[in-house]
Amino acid sequence: MGINEFQRLIKDIYFERDSARGAEGTFRWFIEEVGELARAMRGTDRDNLREEFGDVLAWLVSLASIMGVDMEEAAAKYARGCPKCGSTPCSCK
C-alpha cells in the first residue's frame, strides 16, 4: 500500500472524528501513541512493536489530513536523498 492510499484509507475511517477533535486534540493523541511506541521499543514483543509503529503512522497521516497536507508530497522532500547534501546515504558532517 502506498502513502497516498494509506492516507486516504485512514481519512475514510477516522477523518470525521479526528477533524471534530481538531488538530490540537489529534496531535495530543499522536504524541500519546509515540509514547506507547517508546515503551514498546524497550520490550521484546515484535508484534506489539509493529502495532505501535502502525498506530503512530495512522495518527500522523490523520493529523496531516486535518492540516491539509498530502503525505506523499511531504515525503518527496527525501526522494533525492538527504535534503541538505543530496547524498544517499547522508554525508553531512
PDB file of N, CA and C in Angstrom:
ATOM      1  N   MET A   1       0.848  -1.165   0.000  1.00  0.00           N
ATOM      2  CA  MET A   1       0.000   0.000   0.000  1.00  0.00           C
ATOM      3  C   MET A   1       0.898   1.234   0.000  1.00  0.00           C
ATOM      4  N   GLY A   2       0.609   2.170  -0.883  1.00  0.00           N
ATOM      5  CA  GLY A   2       1.388   3.396  -0.974  1.00  0.00           C
ATOM      6  C   GLY A   2       0.960   4.429   0.056  1.00  0.00           C
ATOM      7  N   ILE A   3       1.736   5.479   0.158  1.00  0.00           N
ATOM      8  CA  ILE A   3       1.471   6.527   1.147  1.00  0.00           C
ATOM      9  C   ILE A   3       0.109   7.173   0.903  1.00  0.00           C
ATOM     10  N   ASN A   4      -0.182   7.560  -0.346  1.00  0.00           N
ATOM     11  CA  ASN A   4      -1.470   8.201  -0.627  1.00  0.00           C
ATOM     12  C   ASN A   4      -2.641   7.282  -0.326  1.00  0.00           C
ATOM     13  N   GLU A   5      -2.506   6.017  -0.703  1.00  0.00           N
ATOM     14  CA  GLU A   5      -3.575   5.049  -0.453  1.00  0.00           C
ATOM     15  C   GLU A   5      -3.824   4.896   1.054  1.00  0.00           C
ATOM     16  N   PHE A   6      -2.740   4.817   1.832  1.00  0.00           N
ATOM     17  CA  PHE A   6      -2.874   4.703   3.280  1.00  0.00           C
ATOM     18  C   PHE A   6      -3.522   5.952   3.866  1.00  0.00           C
ATOM     19  N   GLN A   7      -3.101   7.120   3.408  1.00  0.00           N
ATOM     20  CA  GLN A   7      -3.678   8.354   3.932  1.00  0.00           C
ATOM     21  C   GLN A   7      -5.169   8.422   3.603  1.00  0.00           C
ATOM     22  N   ARG A   8      -5.563   8.021   2.394  1.00  0.00           N
ATOM     23  CA  ARG A   8      -6.989   8.013   2.037  1.00  0.00           C
ATOM     24  C   ARG A   8      -7.771   7.031   2.909  1.00  0.00           C
ATOM     25  N   LEU A   9      -7.200   5.849   3.144  1.00  0.00           N
ATOM     26  CA  LEU A   9      -7.862   4.843   3.969  1.00  0.00           C
ATOM     27  C   LEU A   9      -8.097   5.366   5.389  1.00  0.00           C
ATOM     28  N   ILE A  10      -7.058   5.913   5.995  1.00  0.00           N
ATOM     29  CA  ILE A  10      -7.181   6.445   7.358  1.00  0.00           C
ATOM     30  C   ILE A  10      -8.172   7.613   7.379  1.00  0.00           C
ATOM     31  N   LYS A  11      -8.162   8.428   6.337  1.00  0.00           N
ATOM     32  CA  LYS A  11      -9.113   9.539   6.256  1.00  0.00           C
ATOM     33  C   LYS A  11     -10.545   9.008   6.184  1.00  0.00           C
ATOM     34  N   ASP A  12     -10.757   7.974   5.365  1.00  0.00           N
ATOM     35  CA  ASP A  12     -12.096   7.380   5.264  1.00  0.00           C
ATOM     36  C   ASP A  12     -12.565   6.825   6.605  1.00  0.00           C
ATOM     37  N   ILE A  13     -11.654   6.235   7.348  1.00  0.00           N
ATOM     38  CA  ILE A  13     -12.011   5.604   8.623  1.00  0.00           C
ATOM     39  C   ILE A  13     -12.200   6.628   9.740  1.00  0.00           C
ATOM     40  N   TYR A  14     -11.304   7.605   9.863  1.00  0.00           N
ATOM     41  CA  TYR A  14     -11.234   8.433  11.072  1.00  0.00           C
ATOM     42  C   TYR A  14     -11.411   9.938  10.885  1.00  0.00           C
ATOM     43  N   PHE A  15     -11.455  10.439   9.646  1.00  0.00           N
ATOM     44  CA  PHE A  15     -11.397  11.890   9.459  1.00  0.00           C
ATOM     45  C   PHE A  15     -12.521  12.635  10.179  1.00  0.00           C
ATOM     46  N   GLU A  16     -13.722  12.127  10.103  1.00  0.00           N
ATOM     47  CA  GLU A  16     -14.843  12.840  10.724  1.00  0.00           C
ATOM     48  C   GLU A  16     -14.605  13.039  12.222  1.00  0.00           C
ATOM     49  N   ARG A  17     -14.232  11.966  12.903  1.00  0.00           N
ATOM     50  CA  ARG A  17     -13.999  12.039  14.347  1.00  0.00           C
ATOM     51  C   ARG A  17     -12.765  12.887  14.665  1.00  0.00           C
ATOM     52  N   ASP A  18     -11.675  12.654  13.929  1.00  0.00           N
ATOM     53  CA  ASP A  18     -10.435  13.378  14.223  1.00  0.00           C
ATOM     54  C   ASP A  18     -10.562  14.862  13.912  1.00  0.00           C
ATOM     55  N   SER A  19     -11.230  15.214  12.821  1.00  0.00           N
ATOM     56  CA  SER A  19     -11.373  16.635  12.500  1.00  0.00           C
ATOM     57  C   SER A  19     -12.291  17.329  13.499  1.00  0.00           C
ATOM     58  N   ALA A  20     -13.297  16.608  14.031  1.00  0.00           N
ATOM     59  CA  ALA A  20     -14.154  17.182  15.075  1.00  0.00           C
ATOM     60  C   ALA A  20     -13.344  17.457  16.344  1.00  0.00           C
ATOM     61  N   ARG A  21     -12.358  16.595  16.626  1.00  0.00           N
ATOM     62  CA  ARG A  21     -11.477  16.775  17.787  1.00  0.00           C
ATOM     63  C   ARG A  21     -10.550  17.959  17.550  1.00  0.00           C
ATOM     64  N   GLY A  22     -10.206  18.206  16.301  1.00  0.00           N
ATOM     65  CA  GLY A  22      -9.321  19.308  15.933  1.00  0.00           C
ATOM     66  C   GLY A  22      -7.863  18.883  15.885  1.00  0.00           C
ATOM     67  N   ALA A  23      -7.060  19.740  15.278  1.00  0.00           N
ATOM     68  CA  ALA A  23      -5.639  19.436  15.106  1.00  0.00           C
ATOM     69  C   ALA A  23      -4.929  19.299  16.453  1.00  0.00           C
ATOM     70  N   GLU A  24      -5.218  20.188  17.378  1.00  0.00           N
ATOM     71  CA  GLU A  24      -4.521  20.139  18.668  1.00  0.00           C
ATOM     72  C   GLU A  24      -4.853  18.859  19.435  1.00  0.00           C
ATOM     73  N   GLY A  25      -6.105  18.500  19.487  1.00  0.00           N
ATOM     74  CA  GLY A  25      -6.503  17.278  20.180  1.00  0.00           C
ATOM     75  C   GLY A  25      -5.951  16.033  19.501  1.00  0.00           C
ATOM     76  N   THR A  26      -5.977  16.038  18.181  1.00  0.00           N
ATOM     77  CA  THR A  26      -5.433  14.897  17.435  1.00  0.00           C
ATOM     78  C   THR A  26      -3.927  14.813  17.616  1.00  0.00           C
ATOM     79  N   PHE A  27      -3.269  15.949  17.680  1.00  0.00           N
ATOM     80  CA  PHE A  27      -1.830  15.955  17.933  1.00  0.00           C
ATOM     81  C   PHE A  27      -1.512  15.340  19.289  1.00  0.00           C
ATOM     82  N   ARG A  28      -2.315  15.641  20.290  1.00  0.00           N
ATOM     83  CA  ARG A  28      -2.093  15.048  21.615  1.00  0.00           C
ATOM     84  C   ARG A  28      -2.240  13.515  21.566  1.00  0.00           C
ATOM     85  N   TRP A  29      -3.223  13.015  20.816  1.00  0.00           N
ATOM     86  CA  TRP A  29      -3.363  11.561  20.657  1.00  0.00           C
ATOM     87  C   TRP A  29      -2.144  10.981  19.947  1.00  0.00           C
ATOM     88  N   PHE A  30      -1.645  11.700  18.930  1.00  0.00           N
ATOM     89  CA  PHE A  30      -0.439  11.267  18.212  1.00  0.00           C
ATOM     90  C   PHE A  30       0.731  11.150  19.186  1.00  0.00           C
ATOM     91  N   ILE A  31       0.926  12.137  20.032  1.00  0.00           N
ATOM     92  CA  ILE A  31       2.025  12.128  20.995  1.00  0.00           C
ATOM     93  C   ILE A  31       1.866  10.974  21.975  1.00  0.00           C
ATOM     94  N   GLU A  32       0.638  10.695  22.390  1.00  0.00           N
ATOM     95  CA  GLU A  32       0.401   9.554  23.270  1.00  0.00           C
ATOM     96  C   GLU A  32       0.834   8.250  22.593  1.00  0.00           C
ATOM     97  N   GLU A  33       0.535   8.125  21.299  1.00  0.00           N
ATOM     98  CA  GLU A  33       0.947   6.929  20.562  1.00  0.00           C
ATOM     99  C   GLU A  33       2.467   6.844  20.429  1.00  0.00           C
ATOM    100  N   VAL A  34       3.128   7.986  20.282  1.00  0.00           N
ATOM    101  CA  VAL A  34       4.598   7.991  20.238  1.00  0.00           C
ATOM    102  C   VAL A  34       5.142   7.474  21.569  1.00  0.00           C
ATOM    103  N   GLY A  35       4.511   7.854  22.660  1.00  0.00           N
ATOM    104  CA  GLY A  35       4.910   7.349  23.979  1.00  0.00           C
ATOM    105  C   GLY A  35       4.731   5.843  24.076  1.00  0.00           C
ATOM    106  N   GLU A  36       3.632   5.326  23.530  1.00  0.00           N
ATOM    107  CA  GLU A  36       3.416   3.882  23.532  1.00  0.00           C
ATOM    108  C   GLU A  36       4.467   3.174  22.673  1.00  0.00           C
ATOM    109  N   LEU A  37       4.858   3.796  21.579  1.00  0.00           N
ATOM    110  CA  LEU A  37       5.927   3.232  20.751  1.00  0.00           C
ATOM    111  C   LEU A  37       7.240   3.206  21.522  1.00  0.00           C
ATOM    112  N   ALA A  38       7.531   4.268  22.255  1.00  0.00           N
ATOM    113  CA  ALA A  38       8.757   4.315  23.055  1.00  0.00           C
ATOM    114  C   ALA A  38       8.790   3.177  24.065  1.00  0.00           C
ATOM    115  N   ARG A  39       7.650   2.912  24.714  1.00  0.00           N
ATOM    116  CA  ARG A  39       7.586   1.792  25.657  1.00  0.00           C
ATOM    117  C   ARG A  39       7.771   0.461  24.948  1.00  0.00           C
ATOM    118  N   ALA A  40       7.160   0.306  23.783  1.00  0.00           N
ATOM    119  CA  ALA A  40       7.291  -0.941  23.024  1.00  0.00           C
ATOM    120  C   ALA A  40       8.733  -1.178  22.589  1.00  0.00           C
ATOM    121  N   MET A  41       9.459  -0.111  22.311  1.00  0.00           N
ATOM    122  CA  MET A  41      10.855  -0.239  21.886  1.00  0.00           C
ATOM    123  C   MET A  41      11.745  -0.764  23.006  1.00  0.00           C
ATOM    124  N   ARG A  42      11.327  -0.577  24.240  1.00  0.00           N
ATOM    125  CA  ARG A  42      12.102  -1.085  25.374  1.00  0.00           C
ATOM    126  C   ARG A  42      11.871  -2.571  25.611  1.00  0.00           C
ATOM    127  N   GLY A  43      10.833  -3.116  24.993  1.00  0.00           N
ATOM    128  CA  GLY A  43      10.493  -4.517  25.199  1.00  0.00           C
ATOM    129  C   GLY A  43      11.023  -5.411  24.082  1.00  0.00           C
ATOM    130  N   THR A  44      10.548  -6.642  24.099  1.00  0.00           N
ATOM    131  CA  THR A  44      10.991  -7.632  23.108  1.00  0.00           C
ATOM    132  C   THR A  44       9.840  -8.182  22.273  1.00  0.00           C
ATOM    133  N   ASP A  45       8.627  -7.638  22.472  1.00  0.00           N
ATOM    134  CA  ASP A  45       7.446  -8.117  21.766  1.00  0.00           C
ATOM    135  C   ASP A  45       7.376  -7.480  20.378  1.00  0.00           C
ATOM    136  N   ARG A  46       7.775  -8.227  19.354  1.00  0.00           N
ATOM    137  CA  ARG A  46       7.828  -7.709  17.979  1.00  0.00           C
ATOM    138  C   ARG A  46       6.431  -7.369  17.452  1.00  0.00           C
ATOM    139  N   ASP A  47       5.424  -8.146  17.825  1.00  0.00           N
ATOM    140  CA  ASP A  47       4.066  -7.858  17.372  1.00  0.00           C
ATOM    141  C   ASP A  47       3.580  -6.522  17.936  1.00  0.00           C
ATOM    142  N   ASN A  48       3.856  -6.280  19.219  1.00  0.00           N
ATOM    143  CA  ASN A  48       3.481  -5.012  19.839  1.00  0.00           C
ATOM    144  C   ASN A  48       4.230  -3.864  19.182  1.00  0.00           C
ATOM    145  N   LEU A  49       5.497  -4.048  18.905  1.00  0.00           N
ATOM    146  CA  LEU A  49       6.298  -3.012  18.261  1.00  0.00           C
ATOM    147  C   LEU A  49       5.710  -2.661  16.894  1.00  0.00           C
ATOM    148  N   ARG A  50       5.387  -3.658  16.103  1.00  0.00           N
ATOM    149  CA  ARG A  50       4.794  -3.443  14.780  1.00  0.00           C
ATOM    150  C   ARG A  50       3.463  -2.699  14.913  1.00  0.00           C
ATOM    151  N   GLU A  51       2.657  -3.103  15.884  1.00  0.00           N
ATOM    152  CA  GLU A  51       1.361  -2.460  16.115  1.00  0.00           C
ATOM    153  C   GLU A  51       1.530  -0.991  16.473  1.00  0.00           C
ATOM    154  N   GLU A  52       2.475  -0.685  17.342  1.00  0.00           N
ATOM    155  CA  GLU A  52       2.680   0.710  17.756  1.00  0.00           C
ATOM    156  C   GLU A  52       3.230   1.559  16.619  1.00  0.00           C
ATOM    157  N   PHE A  53       4.110   1.008  15.793  1.00  0.00           N
ATOM    158  CA  PHE A  53       4.562   1.752  14.614  1.00  0.00           C
ATOM    159  C   PHE A  53       3.379   2.062  13.704  1.00  0.00           C
ATOM    160  N   GLY A  54       2.491   1.087  13.521  1.00  0.00           N
ATOM    161  CA  GLY A  54       1.299   1.308  12.709  1.00  0.00           C
ATOM    162  C   GLY A  54       0.404   2.387  13.277  1.00  0.00           C
ATOM    163  N   ASP A  55       0.218   2.371  14.604  1.00  0.00           N
ATOM    164  CA  ASP A  55      -0.618   3.379  15.250  1.00  0.00           C
ATOM    165  C   ASP A  55      -0.028   4.781  15.076  1.00  0.00           C
ATOM    166  N   VAL A  56       1.282   4.905  15.261  1.00  0.00           N
ATOM    167  CA  VAL A  56       1.935   6.211  15.103  1.00  0.00           C
ATOM    168  C   VAL A  56       1.756   6.711  13.667  1.00  0.00           C
ATOM    169  N   LEU A  57       1.935   5.829  12.710  1.00  0.00           N
ATOM    170  CA  LEU A  57       1.776   6.223  11.313  1.00  0.00           C
ATOM    171  C   LEU A  57       0.342   6.651  11.027  1.00  0.00           C
ATOM    172  N   ALA A  58      -0.632   5.905  11.541  1.00  0.00           N
ATOM    173  CA  ALA A  58      -2.034   6.244  11.316  1.00  0.00           C
ATOM    174  C   ALA A  58      -2.384   7.609  11.900  1.00  0.00           C
ATOM    175  N   TRP A  59      -1.947   7.870  13.126  1.00  0.00           N
ATOM    176  CA  TRP A  59      -2.235   9.166  13.742  1.00  0.00           C
ATOM    177  C   TRP A  59      -1.520  10.295  13.009  1.00  0.00           C
ATOM    178  N   LEU A  60      -0.305  10.041  12.512  1.00  0.00           N
ATOM    179  CA  LEU A  60       0.427  11.067  11.773  1.00  0.00           C
ATOM    180  C   LEU A  60      -0.297  11.441  10.484  1.00  0.00           C
ATOM    181  N   VAL A  61      -0.732  10.442   9.718  1.00  0.00           N
ATOM    182  CA  VAL A  61      -1.409  10.775   8.460  1.00  0.00           C
ATOM    183  C   VAL A  61      -2.785  11.383   8.723  1.00  0.00           C
ATOM    184  N   SER A  62      -3.438  11.005   9.807  1.00  0.00           N
ATOM    185  CA  SER A  62      -4.717  11.635  10.148  1.00  0.00           C
ATOM    186  C   SER A  62      -4.507  13.111  10.468  1.00  0.00           C
ATOM    187  N   LEU A  63      -3.483  13.404  11.238  1.00  0.00           N
ATOM    188  CA  LEU A  63      -3.159  14.791  11.553  1.00  0.00           C
ATOM    189  C   LEU A  63      -2.819  15.565  10.277  1.00  0.00           C
ATOM    190  N   ALA A  64      -2.059  14.953   9.385  1.00  0.00           N
ATOM    191  CA  ALA A  64      -1.726  15.603   8.113  1.00  0.00           C
ATOM    192  C   ALA A  64      -2.998  15.911   7.323  1.00  0.00           C
ATOM    193  N   SER A  65      -3.944  14.983   7.305  1.00  0.00           N
ATOM    194  CA  SER A  65      -5.198  15.214   6.588  1.00  0.00           C
ATOM    195  C   SER A  65      -5.957  16.394   7.173  1.00  0.00           C
ATOM    196  N   ILE A  66      -6.020  16.464   8.484  1.00  0.00           N
ATOM    197  CA  ILE A  66      -6.695  17.590   9.139  1.00  0.00           C
ATOM    198  C   ILE A  66      -6.035  18.903   8.745  1.00  0.00           C
ATOM    199  N   MET A  67      -4.714  18.897   8.633  1.00  0.00           N
ATOM    200  CA  MET A  67      -3.967  20.110   8.302  1.00  0.00           C
ATOM    201  C   MET A  67      -3.883  20.371   6.801  1.00  0.00           C
ATOM    202  N   GLY A  68      -4.468  19.462   5.998  1.00  0.00           N
ATOM    203  CA  GLY A  68      -4.459  19.643   4.547  1.00  0.00           C
ATOM    204  C   GLY A  68      -3.130  19.333   3.895  1.00  0.00           C
ATOM    205  N   VAL A  69      -2.345  18.442   4.502  1.00  0.00           N
ATOM    206  CA  VAL A  69      -1.024  18.087   3.976  1.00  0.00           C
ATOM    207  C   VAL A  69      -1.092  16.715   3.325  1.00  0.00           C
ATOM    208  N   ASP A  70      -0.649  16.641   2.081  1.00  0.00           N
ATOM    209  CA  ASP A  70      -0.531  15.381   1.362  1.00  0.00           C
ATOM    210  C   ASP A  70       0.800  14.748   1.774  1.00  0.00           C
ATOM    211  N   MET A  71       0.729  13.592   2.435  1.00  0.00           N
ATOM    212  CA  MET A  71       1.950  12.974   2.969  1.00  0.00           C
ATOM    213  C   MET A  71       2.898  12.502   1.872  1.00  0.00           C
ATOM    214  N   GLU A  72       2.386  12.134   0.718  1.00  0.00           N
ATOM    215  CA  GLU A  72       3.285  11.749  -0.367  1.00  0.00           C
ATOM    216  C   GLU A  72       4.098  12.956  -0.828  1.00  0.00           C
ATOM    217  N   GLU A  73       3.453  14.119  -0.893  1.00  0.00           N
ATOM    218  CA  GLU A  73       4.180  15.346  -1.236  1.00  0.00           C
ATOM    219  C   GLU A  73       5.194  15.679  -0.150  1.00  0.00           C
ATOM    220  N   ALA A  74       4.812  15.493   1.110  1.00  0.00           N
ATOM    221  CA  ALA A  74       5.741  15.769   2.211  1.00  0.00           C
ATOM    222  C   ALA A  74       6.946  14.840   2.148  1.00  0.00           C
ATOM    223  N   ALA A  75       6.717  13.565   1.836  1.00  0.00           N
ATOM    224  CA  ALA A  75       7.802  12.584   1.768  1.00  0.00           C
ATOM    225  C   ALA A  75       8.725  12.843   0.581  1.00  0.00           C
ATOM    226  N   ALA A  76       8.223  13.522  -0.445  1.00  0.00           N
ATOM    227  CA  ALA A  76       9.025  13.795  -1.641  1.00  0.00           C
ATOM    228  C   ALA A  76      10.274  14.608  -1.319  1.00  0.00           C
ATOM    229  N   LYS A  77      10.277  15.276  -0.187  1.00  0.00           N
ATOM    230  CA  LYS A  77      11.451  16.039   0.253  1.00  0.00           C
ATOM    231  C   LYS A  77      12.702  15.157   0.275  1.00  0.00           C
ATOM    232  N   TYR A  78      12.517  13.846   0.494  1.00  0.00           N
ATOM    233  CA  TYR A  78      13.639  12.914   0.629  1.00  0.00           C
ATOM    234  C   TYR A  78      13.849  12.048  -0.611  1.00  0.00           C
ATOM    235  N   ALA A  79      13.146  12.337  -1.689  1.00  0.00           N
ATOM    236  CA  ALA A  79      13.193  11.494  -2.889  1.00  0.00           C
ATOM    237  C   ALA A  79      14.577  11.447  -3.546  1.00  0.00           C
ATOM    238  N   ARG A  80      15.347  12.481  -3.367  1.00  0.00           N
ATOM    239  CA  ARG A  80      16.679  12.536  -3.997  1.00  0.00           C
ATOM    240  C   ARG A  80      17.800  12.406  -2.973  1.00  0.00           C
ATOM    241  N   GLY A  81      17.490  11.810  -1.833  1.00  0.00           N
ATOM    242  CA  GLY A  81      18.497  11.642  -0.782  1.00  0.00           C
ATOM    243  C   GLY A  81      18.345  12.689   0.294  1.00  0.00           C
ATOM    244  N   CYS A  82      19.407  12.897   1.025  1.00  0.00           N
ATOM    245  CA  CYS A  82      19.406  13.876   2.110  1.00  0.00           C
ATOM    246  C   CYS A  82      19.046  15.254   1.548  1.00  0.00           C
ATOM    247  N   PRO A  83      18.069  15.926   2.141  1.00  0.00           N
ATOM    248  CA  PRO A  83      17.688  17.246   1.642  1.00  0.00           C
ATOM    249  C   PRO A  83      18.805  18.293   1.737  1.00  0.00           C
ATOM    250  N   LYS A  84      19.782  18.078   2.632  1.00  0.00           N
ATOM    251  CA  LYS A  84      20.869  19.049   2.773  1.00  0.00           C
ATOM    252  C   LYS A  84      22.014  18.779   1.809  1.00  0.00           C
ATOM    253  N   CYS A  85      22.517  17.536   1.793  1.00  0.00           N
ATOM    254  CA  CYS A  85      23.694  17.248   0.974  1.00  0.00           C
ATOM    255  C   CYS A  85      23.347  16.538  -0.326  1.00  0.00           C
ATOM    256  N   GLY A  86      22.138  15.994  -0.424  1.00  0.00           N
ATOM    257  CA  GLY A  86      21.707  15.297  -1.629  1.00  0.00           C
ATOM    258  C   GLY A  86      22.244  13.891  -1.771  1.00  0.00           C
ATOM    259  N   SER A  87      22.951  13.400  -0.786  1.00  0.00           N
ATOM    260  CA  SER A  87      23.581  12.076  -0.865  1.00  0.00           C
ATOM    261  C   SER A  87      22.726  11.002  -0.205  1.00  0.00           C
ATOM    262  N   THR A  88      22.923   9.776  -0.703  1.00  0.00           N
ATOM    263  CA  THR A  88      22.356   8.574  -0.088  1.00  0.00           C
ATOM    264  C   THR A  88      23.457   7.545  -0.009  1.00  0.00           C
ATOM    265  N   PRO A  89      23.916   7.181   1.196  1.00  0.00           N
ATOM    266  CA  PRO A  89      23.485   7.709   2.483  1.00  0.00           C
ATOM    267  C   PRO A  89      23.970   9.149   2.692  1.00  0.00           C
ATOM    268  N   CYS A  90      23.395   9.779   3.694  1.00  0.00           N
ATOM    269  CA  CYS A  90      23.746  11.164   4.017  1.00  0.00           C
ATOM    270  C   CYS A  90      25.241  11.279   4.301  1.00  0.00           C
ATOM    271  N   SER A  91      25.816  12.346   3.759  1.00  0.00           N
ATOM    272  CA  SER A  91      27.235  12.585   4.033  1.00  0.00           C
ATOM    273  C   SER A  91      27.464  13.916   4.744  1.00  0.00           C
ATOM    274  N   CYS A  92      26.411  14.447   5.353  1.00  0.00           N
ATOM    275  CA  CYS A  92      26.550  15.681   6.125  1.00  0.00           C
ATOM    276  C   CYS A  92      27.518  15.448   7.293  1.00  0.00           C
ATOM    277  N   LYS A  93      28.250  16.437   7.625  1.00  0.00           N
ATOM    278  CA  LYS A  93      29.191  16.343   8.744  1.00  0.00           C
ATOM    279  C   LYS A  93      28.494  16.598  10.040  1.00  0.00           C
TER     280      LYS A  93
END
